[in-house]
């Protein structure tokens, strides 16, 4: 599953967060930093939503 990813709401796009469907614990961001901390929080929240709902969320936001 892939999600467009941004660190700041004013930034339209910072990269693509990809989560492995076969193993949702595996994830990465296309770009120079493969697993930035901000993306880790989003990946965790997406995986948790998938585990509870049984389907991948179309969109998801996270505010720290």
Protein backbone atom coordinates (compact mmCIF):
# COMPACT_ATOMS: atom_id res chain seq x y z
CA UNK A 1 0.00 0.00 0.00
CA UNK A 2 1.36 3.47 -0.82
CA UNK A 3 0.53 6.84 0.68
CA UNK A 4 1.71 10.32 -0.21
CA UNK A 5 3.51 11.63 2.81
CA UNK A 6 4.23 15.12 4.14
CA UNK A 7 5.75 16.26 7.43
CA UNK A 8 4.03 19.65 7.47
CA UNK A 9 0.45 20.41 6.39
CA UNK A 10 1.77 23.33 4.33
CA UNK A 11 3.96 20.95 2.31
CA UNK A 12 1.90 19.25 -0.36
CA UNK A 13 4.18 16.24 -0.78
CA UNK A 14 7.41 15.01 0.79
CA UNK A 15 7.57 11.46 -0.54
CA UNK A 16 5.72 8.19 -0.83
CA UNK A 17 5.30 5.95 2.22
CA UNK A 18 5.04 2.31 1.13
CA UNK A 19 3.84 -0.47 3.42
CA UNK A 20 4.34 -4.10 2.43
CA UNK A 21 0.93 -5.80 2.20
CA UNK A 22 2.37 -9.23 2.98
CA UNK A 23 4.18 -7.94 6.08
CA UNK A 24 2.76 -4.60 7.31
CA UNK A 25 5.68 -4.21 9.73
CA UNK A 26 7.90 -3.54 6.68
CA UNK A 27 7.68 0.02 5.41
CA UNK A 28 9.85 2.67 3.76
CA UNK A 29 9.75 6.10 2.19
CA UNK A 30 11.05 6.63 -1.33
CA UNK A 31 13.82 9.18 -0.99
CA UNK A 32 17.15 9.79 0.70
CA UNK A 33 15.89 8.90 4.20
CA UNK A 34 14.27 5.45 4.07
CA UNK A 35 12.56 5.51 7.49
CA UNK A 36 12.17 9.06 8.82
CA UNK A 37 10.72 9.29 12.36
CA UNK A 38 7.60 11.20 11.26
CA UNK A 39 6.80 8.50 8.71
CA UNK A 40 7.21 5.81 11.40
CA UNK A 41 4.26 7.28 13.32
CA UNK A 42 2.12 7.27 10.19
CA UNK A 43 3.12 3.72 9.26
CA UNK A 44 2.23 2.54 12.77
CA UNK A 45 -1.17 4.25 12.66
CA UNK A 46 -1.95 2.83 9.19
CA UNK A 47 -0.98 -0.68 10.33
CA UNK A 48 -3.10 -0.35 13.49
CA UNK A 49 -6.11 0.79 11.43
CA UNK A 50 -5.60 -2.13 9.04
CA UNK A 51 -5.42 -4.62 11.93
CA UNK A 52 -8.60 -3.30 13.57
CA UNK A 53 -10.72 -2.68 10.46
CA UNK A 54 -9.39 -5.45 8.20
CA UNK A 55 -8.80 -3.09 5.29
CA UNK A 56 -6.27 -0.45 4.36
CA UNK A 57 -7.40 3.12 4.99
CA UNK A 58 -7.67 5.24 1.87
CA UNK A 59 -6.38 8.29 3.74
CA UNK A 60 -4.93 8.90 7.16
CA UNK A 61 -3.55 11.87 9.02
CA UNK A 62 -1.41 12.14 12.09
CA UNK A 63 -0.72 15.16 14.23
CA UNK A 64 1.92 15.14 16.94
